[in-house]
PDB file of N, CA and C in Angstrom:
ATOM      1  N   MET A   1      95.743 111.206 101.353  1.00  0.00           N
ATOM      2  CA  MET A   1      96.549 110.527 100.370  1.00  0.00           C
ATOM      3  C   MET A   1      97.817 110.015 101.056  1.00  0.00           C
ATOM      4  N   PRO A   2      98.066 108.712 100.991  1.00  0.00           N
ATOM      5  CA  PRO A   2      99.213 108.150 101.702  1.00  0.00           C
ATOM      6  C   PRO A   2     100.548 108.550 101.073  1.00  0.00           C
ATOM      7  N   ASP A   3     101.569 108.590 101.910  1.00  0.00           N
ATOM      8  CA  ASP A   3     102.924 108.905 101.459  1.00  0.00           C
ATOM      9  C   ASP A   3     103.721 107.649 101.137  1.00  0.00           C
ATOM     10  N   GLN A   4     103.360 106.520 101.743  1.00  0.00           N
ATOM     11  CA  GLN A   4     104.133 105.293 101.569  1.00  0.00           C
ATOM     12  C   GLN A   4     103.241 104.132 101.175  1.00  0.00           C
ATOM     13  N   LEU A   5     103.778 103.281 100.313  1.00  0.00           N
ATOM     14  CA  LEU A   5     103.135 102.025  99.959  1.00  0.00           C
ATOM     15  C   LEU A   5     104.126 100.917 100.279  1.00  0.00           C
ATOM     16  N   ILE A   6     103.770 100.053 101.208  1.00  0.00           N
ATOM     17  CA  ILE A   6     104.621  98.913 101.550  1.00  0.00           C
ATOM     18  C   ILE A   6     104.087  97.710 100.775  1.00  0.00           C
ATOM     19  N   TYR A   7     104.878  97.274  99.801  1.00  0.00           N
ATOM     20  CA  TYR A   7     104.518  96.175  98.909  1.00  0.00           C
ATOM     21  C   TYR A   7     105.703  95.205  98.938  1.00  0.00           C
ATOM     22  N   PRO A   8     105.695  94.243  99.881  1.00  0.00           N
ATOM     23  CA  PRO A   8     106.866  93.401 100.128  1.00  0.00           C
ATOM     24  C   PRO A   8     107.331  92.619  98.893  1.00  0.00           C
ATOM     25  N   TYR A   9     108.615  92.337  98.892  1.00  0.00           N
ATOM     26  CA  TYR A   9     109.247  91.628  97.781  1.00  0.00           C
ATOM     27  C   TYR A   9     108.563  90.287  97.511  1.00  0.00           C
ATOM     28  N   ARG A  10     108.250  89.534  98.556  1.00  0.00           N
ATOM     29  CA  ARG A  10     107.627  88.215  98.357  1.00  0.00           C
ATOM     30  C   ARG A  10     106.288  88.336  97.644  1.00  0.00           C
ATOM     31  N   LEU A  11     105.523  89.386  97.934  1.00  0.00           N
ATOM     32  CA  LEU A  11     104.251  89.591  97.244  1.00  0.00           C
ATOM     33  C   LEU A  11     104.469  90.039  95.805  1.00  0.00           C
ATOM     34  N   ARG A  12     105.461  90.889  95.581  1.00  0.00           N
ATOM     35  CA  ARG A  12     105.763  91.318  94.206  1.00  0.00           C
ATOM     36  C   ARG A  12     106.156  90.123  93.348  1.00  0.00           C
ATOM     37  N   MET A  13     106.932  89.201  93.902  1.00  0.00           N
ATOM     38  CA  MET A  13     107.335  88.007  93.153  1.00  0.00           C
ATOM     39  C   MET A  13     106.149  87.072  92.931  1.00  0.00           C
ATOM     40  N   GLN A  14     105.267  86.972  93.911  1.00  0.00           N
ATOM     41  CA  GLN A  14     104.065  86.155  93.753  1.00  0.00           C
ATOM     42  C   GLN A  14     103.203  86.716  92.633  1.00  0.00           C
ATOM     43  N   VAL A  15     102.986  88.024  92.625  1.00  0.00           N
ATOM     44  CA  VAL A  15     102.167  88.668  91.597  1.00  0.00           C
ATOM     45  C   VAL A  15     102.843  88.559  90.233  1.00  0.00           C
ATOM     46  N   ALA A  16     104.161  88.622  90.189  1.00  0.00           N
ATOM     47  CA  ALA A  16     104.887  88.493  88.920  1.00  0.00           C
ATOM     48  C   ALA A  16     104.652  87.126  88.283  1.00  0.00           C
ATOM     49  N   GLY A  17     104.325  86.116  89.084  1.00  0.00           N
ATOM     50  CA  GLY A  17     104.056  84.785  88.567  1.00  0.00           C
ATOM     51  C   GLY A  17     102.627  84.580  88.088  1.00  0.00           C
ATOM     52  N   PHE A  18     101.759  85.541  88.308  1.00  0.00           N
ATOM     53  CA  PHE A  18     100.374  85.440  87.842  1.00  0.00           C
ATOM     54  C   PHE A  18     100.332  85.581  86.321  1.00  0.00           C
ATOM     55  N   PRO A  19      99.278  85.067  85.671  1.00  0.00           N
ATOM     56  CA  PRO A  19      99.093  85.332  84.238  1.00  0.00           C
ATOM     57  C   PRO A  19      99.021  86.842  83.987  1.00  0.00           C
ATOM     58  N   PRO A  20      99.403  87.294  82.785  1.00  0.00           N
ATOM     59  CA  PRO A  20      99.511  88.738  82.518  1.00  0.00           C
ATOM     60  C   PRO A  20      98.262  89.559  82.846  1.00  0.00           C
ATOM     61  N   ASN A  21      97.077  89.059  82.520  1.00  0.00           N
ATOM     62  CA  ASN A  21      95.870  89.853  82.782  1.00  0.00           C
ATOM     63  C   ASN A  21      95.600  89.999  84.279  1.00  0.00           C
ATOM     64  N   ILE A  22      95.867  88.956  85.044  1.00  0.00           N
ATOM     65  CA  ILE A  22      95.669  89.014  86.495  1.00  0.00           C
ATOM     66  C   ILE A  22      96.754  89.872  87.136  1.00  0.00           C
ATOM     67  N   ARG A  23      97.984  89.737  86.658  1.00  0.00           N
ATOM     68  CA  ARG A  23      99.098  90.545  87.167  1.00  0.00           C
ATOM     69  C   ARG A  23      98.830  92.032  86.960  1.00  0.00           C
ATOM     70  N   ASP A  24      98.374  92.404  85.758  1.00  0.00           N
ATOM     71  CA  ASP A  24      98.081  93.815  85.481  1.00  0.00           C
ATOM     72  C   ASP A  24      96.941  94.332  86.349  1.00  0.00           C
ATOM     73  N   ALA A  25      95.897  93.502  86.531  1.00  0.00           N
ATOM     74  CA  ALA A  25      94.767  93.908  87.371  1.00  0.00           C
ATOM     75  C   ALA A  25      95.211  94.101  88.818  1.00  0.00           C
ATOM     76  N   ALA A  26      96.069  93.212  89.316  1.00  0.00           N
ATOM     77  CA  ALA A  26      96.563  93.328  90.693  1.00  0.00           C
ATOM     78  C   ALA A  26      97.391  94.593  90.863  1.00  0.00           C
ATOM     79  N   ASN A  27      98.293  94.844  89.929  1.00  0.00           N
ATOM     80  CA  ASN A  27      99.145  96.031  90.038  1.00  0.00           C
ATOM     81  C   ASN A  27      98.339  97.320  89.940  1.00  0.00           C
ATOM     82  N   LEU A  28      97.338  97.363  89.072  1.00  0.00           N
ATOM     83  CA  LEU A  28      96.491  98.557  88.973  1.00  0.00           C
ATOM     84  C   LEU A  28      95.705  98.788  90.258  1.00  0.00           C
ATOM     85  N   LEU A  29      95.186  97.711  90.828  1.00  0.00           N
ATOM     86  CA  LEU A  29      94.421  97.828  92.071  1.00  0.00           C
ATOM     87  C   LEU A  29      95.315  98.317  93.213  1.00  0.00           C
ATOM     88  N   ILE A  30      96.523  97.783  93.295  1.00  0.00           N
ATOM     89  CA  ILE A  30      97.456  98.188  94.352  1.00  0.00           C
ATOM     90  C   ILE A  30      97.876  99.641  94.176  1.00  0.00           C
ATOM     91  N   MET A  31      98.209 100.036  92.962  1.00  0.00           N
ATOM     92  CA  MET A  31      98.647 101.414  92.731  1.00  0.00           C
ATOM     93  C   MET A  31      97.505 102.410  92.945  1.00  0.00           C
ATOM     94  N   SER A  32      96.258 101.973  92.738  1.00  0.00           N
ATOM     95  CA  SER A  32      95.122 102.872  92.969  1.00  0.00           C
ATOM     96  C   SER A  32      94.986 103.235  94.447  1.00  0.00           C
ATOM     97  N   LEU A  33      95.557 102.421  95.330  1.00  0.00           N
ATOM     98  CA  LEU A  33      95.490 102.705  96.765  1.00  0.00           C
ATOM     99  C   LEU A  33      96.261 103.961  97.136  1.00  0.00           C
ATOM    100  N   LEU A  34      97.229 104.348  96.312  1.00  0.00           N
ATOM    101  CA  LEU A  34      97.969 105.584  96.588  1.00  0.00           C
ATOM    102  C   LEU A  34      97.087 106.810  96.401  1.00  0.00           C
ATOM    103  N   GLY A  35      96.145 106.746  95.470  1.00  0.00           N
ATOM    104  CA  GLY A  35      95.240 107.869  95.250  1.00  0.00           C
ATOM    105  C   GLY A  35      94.116 107.919  96.268  1.00  0.00           C
ATOM    106  N   ASP A  36      93.576 106.752  96.610  1.00  0.00           N
ATOM    107  CA  ASP A  36      92.474 106.676  97.566  1.00  0.00           C
ATOM    108  C   ASP A  36      92.647 105.396  98.378  1.00  0.00           C
ATOM    109  N   PRO A  37      93.211 105.468  99.581  1.00  0.00           N
ATOM    110  CA  PRO A  37      93.478 104.253 100.345  1.00  0.00           C
ATOM    111  C   PRO A  37      92.231 103.518 100.830  1.00  0.00           C
ATOM    112  N   VAL A  38      91.108 104.201 100.884  1.00  0.00           N
ATOM    113  CA  VAL A  38      89.868 103.545 101.300  1.00  0.00           C
ATOM    114  C   VAL A  38      88.776 103.896 100.287  1.00  0.00           C
ATOM    115  N   PRO A  39      88.800 103.242  99.114  1.00  0.00           N
ATOM    116  CA  PRO A  39      87.762 103.520  98.123  1.00  0.00           C
ATOM    117  C   PRO A  39      86.402 103.033  98.615  1.00  0.00           C
ATOM    118  N   PRO A  40      85.317 103.519  98.017  1.00  0.00           N
ATOM    119  CA  PRO A  40      83.974 103.156  98.483  1.00  0.00           C
ATOM    120  C   PRO A  40      83.690 101.654  98.467  1.00  0.00           C
ATOM    121  N   ASP A  41      84.314 100.900  97.560  1.00  0.00           N
ATOM    122  CA  ASP A  41      84.030  99.467  97.491  1.00  0.00           C
ATOM    123  C   ASP A  41      84.975  98.614  98.343  1.00  0.00           C
ATOM    124  N   ALA A  42      85.842  99.235  99.138  1.00  0.00           N
ATOM    125  CA  ALA A  42      86.712  98.491 100.060  1.00  0.00           C
ATOM    126  C   ALA A  42      85.885  98.016 101.251  1.00  0.00           C
ATOM    127  N   LYS A  43      86.100  96.759 101.640  1.00  0.00           N
ATOM    128  CA  LYS A  43      85.355  96.185 102.761  1.00  0.00           C
ATOM    129  C   LYS A  43      86.262  96.108 103.988  1.00  0.00           C
ATOM    130  N   PRO A  44      85.932  96.827 105.051  1.00  0.00           N
ATOM    131  CA  PRO A  44      86.762  96.741 106.259  1.00  0.00           C
ATOM    132  C   PRO A  44      86.536  95.413 106.974  1.00  0.00           C
ATOM    133  N   PHE A  45      87.605  94.820 107.496  1.00  0.00           N
ATOM    134  CA  PHE A  45      87.411  93.631 108.314  1.00  0.00           C
ATOM    135  C   PHE A  45      88.102  93.727 109.663  1.00  0.00           C
ATOM    136  N   VAL A  46      88.976  94.708 109.864  1.00  0.00           N
ATOM    137  CA  VAL A  46      89.540  94.991 111.186  1.00  0.00           C
ATOM    138  C   VAL A  46      89.691  96.501 111.289  1.00  0.00           C
ATOM    139  N   GLU A  47      89.075  97.090 112.295  1.00  0.00           N
ATOM    140  CA  GLU A  47      89.220  98.523 112.517  1.00  0.00           C
ATOM    141  C   GLU A  47      89.591  98.746 113.976  1.00  0.00           C
ATOM    142  N   VAL A  48      90.801  99.230 114.188  1.00  0.00           N
ATOM    143  CA  VAL A  48      91.303  99.512 115.520  1.00  0.00           C
ATOM    144  C   VAL A  48      91.902 100.911 115.484  1.00  0.00           C
ATOM    145  N   ALA A  49      92.075 101.508 116.642  1.00  0.00           N
ATOM    146  CA  ALA A  49      92.684 102.838 116.685  1.00  0.00           C
ATOM    147  C   ALA A  49      94.088 102.781 116.094  1.00  0.00           C
ATOM    148  N   GLY A  50      94.361 103.632 115.128  1.00  0.00           N
ATOM    149  CA  GLY A  50      95.694 103.707 114.536  1.00  0.00           C
ATOM    150  C   GLY A  50      95.875 102.942 113.247  1.00  0.00           C
ATOM    151  N   HIS A  51      95.092 101.884 113.034  1.00  0.00           N
ATOM    152  CA  HIS A  51      95.186 101.167 111.764  1.00  0.00           C
ATOM    153  C   HIS A  51      93.895 100.410 111.476  1.00  0.00           C
ATOM    154  N   SER A  52      93.666 100.159 110.201  1.00  0.00           N
ATOM    155  CA  SER A  52      92.490  99.422 109.766  1.00  0.00           C
ATOM    156  C   SER A  52      92.884  98.520 108.613  1.00  0.00           C
ATOM    157  N   SER A  53      92.267  97.349 108.536  1.00  0.00           N
ATOM    158  CA  SER A  53      92.532  96.409 107.451  1.00  0.00           C
ATOM    159  C   SER A  53      91.319  96.329 106.546  1.00  0.00           C
ATOM    160  N   TYR A  54      91.585  96.222 105.252  1.00  0.00           N
ATOM    161  CA  TYR A  54      90.529  96.231 104.251  1.00  0.00           C
ATOM    162  C   TYR A  54      90.750  95.141 103.220  1.00  0.00           C
ATOM    163  N   GLU A  55      89.663  94.813 102.527  1.00  0.00           N
ATOM    164  CA  GLU A  55      89.675  93.902 101.391  1.00  0.00           C
ATOM    165  C   GLU A  55      89.149  94.689 100.201  1.00  0.00           C
ATOM    166  N   LEU A  56      89.877  94.663  99.097  1.00  0.00           N
ATOM    167  CA  LEU A  56      89.472  95.359  97.881  1.00  0.00           C
ATOM    168  C   LEU A  56      89.591  94.376  96.734  1.00  0.00           C
ATOM    169  N   SER A  57      88.527  94.222  95.949  1.00  0.00           N
ATOM    170  CA  SER A  57      88.586  93.244  94.868  1.00  0.00           C
ATOM    171  C   SER A  57      87.937  93.779  93.605  1.00  0.00           C
ATOM    172  N   ASN A  58      88.307  93.156  92.499  1.00  0.00           N
ATOM    173  CA  ASN A  58      87.636  93.366  91.221  1.00  0.00           C
ATOM    174  C   ASN A  58      87.345  91.977  90.659  1.00  0.00           C
ATOM    175  N   ASP A  59      87.064  91.863  89.381  1.00  0.00           N
ATOM    176  CA  ASP A  59      86.700  90.562  88.817  1.00  0.00           C
ATOM    177  C   ASP A  59      87.843  89.548  88.847  1.00  0.00           C
ATOM    178  N   LEU A  60      89.082  90.018  88.816  1.00  0.00           N
ATOM    179  CA  LEU A  60      90.218  89.117  88.666  1.00  0.00           C
ATOM    180  C   LEU A  60      91.041  88.886  89.926  1.00  0.00           C
ATOM    181  N   VAL A  61      91.051  89.844  90.834  1.00  0.00           N
ATOM    182  CA  VAL A  61      91.981  89.752  91.963  1.00  0.00           C
ATOM    183  C   VAL A  61      91.392  90.397  93.218  1.00  0.00           C
ATOM    184  N   THR A  62      91.820  89.898  94.382  1.00  0.00           N
ATOM    185  CA  THR A  62      91.463  90.483  95.674  1.00  0.00           C
ATOM    186  C   THR A  62      92.748  90.865  96.399  1.00  0.00           C
ATOM    187  N   VAL A  63      92.763  92.078  96.947  1.00  0.00           N
ATOM    188  CA  VAL A  63      93.927  92.584  97.677  1.00  0.00           C
ATOM    189  C   VAL A  63      93.501  92.848  99.116  1.00  0.00           C
ATOM    190  N   TYR A  64      94.249  92.296 100.058  1.00  0.00           N
ATOM    191  CA  TYR A  64      94.042  92.565 101.476  1.00  0.00           C
ATOM    192  C   TYR A  64      95.164  93.496 101.916  1.00  0.00           C
ATOM    193  N   TYR A  65      94.812  94.587 102.571  1.00  0.00           N
ATOM    194  CA  TYR A  65      95.825  95.575 102.936  1.00  0.00           C
ATOM    195  C   TYR A  65      95.454  96.265 104.234  1.00  0.00           C
ATOM    196  N   THR A  66      96.437  96.937 104.813  1.00  0.00           N
ATOM    197  CA  THR A  66      96.269  97.657 106.068  1.00  0.00           C
ATOM    198  C   THR A  66      96.636  99.112 105.858  1.00  0.00           C
ATOM    199  N   VAL A  67      95.818 100.011 106.395  1.00  0.00           N
ATOM    200  CA  VAL A  67      96.124 101.439 106.383  1.00  0.00           C
ATOM    201  C   VAL A  67      96.610 101.792 107.783  1.00  0.00           C
ATOM    202  N   LEU A  68      97.846 102.265 107.860  1.00  0.00           N
ATOM    203  CA  LEU A  68      98.472 102.613 109.140  1.00  0.00           C
ATOM    204  C   LEU A  68      98.498 104.123 109.264  1.00  0.00           C
ATOM    205  N   GLY A  69      97.734 104.648 110.181  1.00  0.00           N
ATOM    206  CA  GLY A  69      97.643 106.101 110.320  1.00  0.00           C
ATOM    207  C   GLY A  69      97.012 106.708 109.081  1.00  0.00           C
ATOM    208  N   ASP A  70      97.530 107.848 108.664  1.00  0.00           N
ATOM    209  CA  ASP A  70      97.006 108.510 107.475  1.00  0.00           C
ATOM    210  C   ASP A  70      97.955 108.430 106.295  1.00  0.00           C
ATOM    211  N   ASP A  71      99.172 107.907 106.519  1.00  0.00           N
ATOM    212  CA  ASP A  71     100.164 108.062 105.466  1.00  0.00           C
ATOM    213  C   ASP A  71     100.826 106.782 104.981  1.00  0.00           C
ATOM    214  N   THR A  72     100.394 105.605 105.430  1.00  0.00           N
ATOM    215  CA  THR A  72     101.039 104.365 105.006  1.00  0.00           C
ATOM    216  C   THR A  72      99.999 103.305 104.659  1.00  0.00           C
ATOM    217  N   VAL A  73     100.195 102.657 103.513  1.00  0.00           N
ATOM    218  CA  VAL A  73      99.379 101.523 103.093  1.00  0.00           C
ATOM    219  C   VAL A  73     100.308 100.322 102.975  1.00  0.00           C
ATOM    220  N   ALA A  74      99.975  99.221 103.648  1.00  0.00           N
ATOM    221  CA  ALA A  74     100.779  98.001 103.598  1.00  0.00           C
ATOM    222  C   ALA A  74      99.945  96.890 102.968  1.00  0.00           C
ATOM    223  N   VAL A  75     100.414  96.358 101.853  1.00  0.00           N
ATOM    224  CA  VAL A  75      99.728  95.259 101.173  1.00  0.00           C
ATOM    225  C   VAL A  75     100.088  93.970 101.901  1.00  0.00           C
ATOM    226  N   ASN A  76      99.067  93.186 102.277  1.00  0.00           N
ATOM    227  CA  ASN A  76      99.289  91.961 103.045  1.00  0.00           C
ATOM    228  C   ASN A  76      99.184  90.703 102.193  1.00  0.00           C
ATOM    229  N   VAL A  77      98.133  90.604 101.372  1.00  0.00           N
ATOM    230  CA  VAL A  77      97.884  89.412 100.562  1.00  0.00           C
ATOM    231  C   VAL A  77      97.305  89.852  99.229  1.00  0.00           C
ATOM    232  N   VAL A  78      97.739  89.179  98.166  1.00  0.00           N
ATOM    233  CA  VAL A  78      97.151  89.374  96.840  1.00  0.00           C
ATOM    234  C   VAL A  78      96.682  88.003  96.384  1.00  0.00           C
ATOM    235  N   HIS A  79      95.385  87.882  96.087  1.00  0.00           N
ATOM    236  CA  HIS A  79      94.795  86.583  95.780  1.00  0.00           C
ATOM    237  C   HIS A  79      94.033  86.651  94.462  1.00  0.00           C
ATOM    238  N   PRO A  80      94.384  85.803  93.474  1.00  0.00           N
ATOM    239  CA  PRO A  80      93.617  85.796  92.219  1.00  0.00           C
ATOM    240  C   PRO A  80      92.232  85.194  92.443  1.00  0.00           C
ATOM    241  N   ASN A  81      91.234  85.721  91.755  1.00  0.00           N
ATOM    242  CA  ASN A  81      89.858  85.249  91.916  1.00  0.00           C
ATOM    243  C   ASN A  81      89.486  84.157  90.923  1.00  0.00           C
ATOM    244  N   THR A  82      90.420  83.721  90.110  1.00  0.00           N
ATOM    245  CA  THR A  82      90.088  82.721  89.091  1.00  0.00           C
ATOM    246  C   THR A  82      90.467  81.337  89.525  1.00  0.00           C
TER     247      THR A  82
END
């Protein structure tokens, strides 16, 4: 279980501009990473020693993020699927 979630200001402002249903879906997906940083439906696209990057999506939004070590999750891109 990670200790830190890095969710940059520019991404928070981008997500705040999404329609309410997409914004809520994005925030729920991002916050779920604190409980399980690599859920079964996450797709890895870069795996290197020390960090790995994943893609996690649902019907409304796709989140690209990096897991650094065992204790940090950094959100890189949030993309609406509509």
